[in-house]
Amino acid sequence: MGRAHELAERAPKSLYRPENQVFLSMLRELRQRHGFTQVALAERLGRSQNYVTSAERGVIRLDGLQIRDWCNACGADLVQWATEIERVLGGQEKGRRKGPK
C-alpha cells in the first residue's frame, strides 16, 4: 500500500484529536465574544437553538460553508478567526514536538 494510505491508518480521526476540542471551544467563544446567546445566533442563522448547541458540543460537524455562515452571523471575519485558530493550534503543536528542530 502507498504512503498516503499508511499515514491515513495511523492518523486519528479529527473528531478524536485534542485540536477538535480547542476548535469547539473557540467556536463557542466566538459567539459569546460577539454577545450572542445560542438562541440569538440560531435566529440569525435561521436554525434552531439545538443546532447551535449541537455544533458547539461537537455532536454535529460543520462544513466550511457552515463555519463561514457562523462567522458572518456573529459579525466576525472568517479569515481573522481562522488565523486565530491557527495561532492557538500552532502553539499547541510546538509544545508537543520532540527532538531537534
Protein backbone atom coordinates (compact mmCIF):
# COMPACT_ATOMS: atom_id res chain seq x y z
CA MET A 1 0.00 0.00 0.00
CA GLY A 2 1.09 3.58 -0.57
CA ARG A 3 2.48 6.02 1.95
CA ALA A 4 -0.73 8.08 1.96
CA HIS A 5 -2.71 5.01 2.98
CA GLU A 6 -0.23 4.19 5.74
CA LEU A 7 -0.46 7.74 7.12
CA ALA A 8 -4.25 7.65 6.97
CA GLU A 9 -4.28 4.45 9.00
CA ARG A 10 -2.10 5.96 11.73
CA ALA A 11 -3.75 9.38 11.95
CA PRO A 12 -6.65 9.53 14.40
CA LYS A 13 -9.95 10.85 13.10
CA SER A 14 -10.16 14.60 13.63
CA LEU A 15 -13.18 14.05 15.85
CA TYR A 16 -10.90 12.41 18.44
CA ARG A 17 -7.94 14.77 18.16
CA PRO A 18 -7.39 17.26 21.01
CA GLU A 19 -7.41 20.08 18.47
CA ASN A 20 -11.11 19.42 17.89
CA GLN A 21 -11.89 20.38 21.49
CA VAL A 22 -9.91 23.60 21.04
CA PHE A 23 -11.86 24.33 17.84
CA LEU A 24 -15.21 23.74 19.57
CA SER A 25 -14.19 25.95 22.47
CA MET A 26 -13.19 28.72 20.07
CA LEU A 27 -16.47 28.34 18.16
CA ARG A 28 -18.41 28.89 21.38
CA GLU A 29 -16.12 31.75 22.43
CA LEU A 30 -16.68 33.47 19.07
CA ARG A 31 -20.42 33.54 19.67
CA GLN A 32 -20.03 34.74 23.24
CA ARG A 33 -17.42 37.38 22.40
CA HIS A 34 -19.84 38.95 19.92
CA GLY A 35 -22.59 38.99 22.55
CA PHE A 36 -24.92 36.34 21.19
CA THR A 37 -26.84 33.75 23.14
CA GLN A 38 -27.35 30.40 21.47
CA VAL A 39 -30.95 31.39 20.75
CA ALA A 40 -29.96 34.73 19.19
CA LEU A 41 -27.30 33.15 16.99
CA ALA A 42 -29.69 30.40 15.95
CA GLU A 43 -32.19 33.04 14.84
CA ARG A 44 -29.53 34.83 12.79
CA LEU A 45 -28.56 31.51 11.19
CA GLY A 46 -32.17 30.53 10.54
CA ARG A 47 -31.63 27.41 12.62
CA SER A 48 -32.78 26.02 15.96
CA GLN A 49 -31.04 26.59 19.27
CA ASN A 50 -30.41 22.84 19.32
CA TYR A 51 -28.34 23.22 16.13
CA VAL A 52 -26.07 25.77 17.82
CA THR A 53 -25.76 23.63 20.96
CA SER A 54 -25.03 20.52 18.91
CA ALA A 55 -22.39 22.32 16.85
CA GLU A 56 -20.66 23.74 19.93
CA ARG A 57 -20.61 20.33 21.61
CA GLY A 58 -19.33 18.57 18.51
CA VAL A 59 -22.45 16.43 18.15
CA ILE A 60 -22.78 17.70 14.59
CA ARG A 61 -19.85 18.69 12.40
CA LEU A 62 -19.86 21.95 10.50
CA ASP A 63 -18.56 22.14 6.95
CA GLY A 64 -16.66 25.12 5.59
CA LEU A 65 -19.73 26.99 4.41
CA GLN A 66 -21.49 26.49 7.73
CA ILE A 67 -18.44 27.86 9.56
CA ARG A 68 -18.49 30.85 7.20
CA ASP A 69 -22.19 31.38 7.95
CA TRP A 70 -21.46 31.14 11.70
CA CYS A 71 -18.76 33.82 11.45
CA ASN A 72 -20.97 36.08 9.32
CA ALA A 73 -23.89 35.70 11.74
CA CYS A 74 -21.58 36.70 14.60
CA GLY A 75 -20.26 39.66 12.62
CA ALA A 76 -16.78 38.14 12.59
CA ASP A 77 -14.27 37.89 9.77
CA LEU A 78 -13.71 34.26 8.78
CA VAL A 79 -10.08 34.78 7.77
CA GLN A 80 -9.22 36.55 11.04
CA TRP A 81 -10.92 33.83 13.06
CA ALA A 82 -9.14 31.09 11.09
CA THR A 83 -5.85 32.90 11.72
CA GLU A 84 -6.64 32.98 15.43
CA ILE A 85 -7.37 29.24 15.40
CA GLU A 86 -4.14 28.55 13.57
CA ARG A 87 -2.18 30.66 16.06
CA VAL A 88 -3.66 28.75 19.01
CA LEU A 89 -3.29 25.32 17.42
CA GLY A 90 0.17 26.14 16.11
CA GLY A 91 1.25 26.98 19.64
CA GLN A 92 -0.05 23.63 20.87
CA GLU A 93 1.80 21.72 18.17
CA LYS A 94 5.08 23.44 19.02
CA GLY A 95 4.64 22.36 22.63
CA ARG A 96 4.16 18.73 21.58
CA ARG A 97 7.12 18.45 19.22
CA LYS A 98 10.06 16.43 20.44
CA GLY A 99 13.62 16.29 19.29
CA PRO A 100 15.84 18.77 17.49
CA LYS A 101 14.37 21.37 15.13
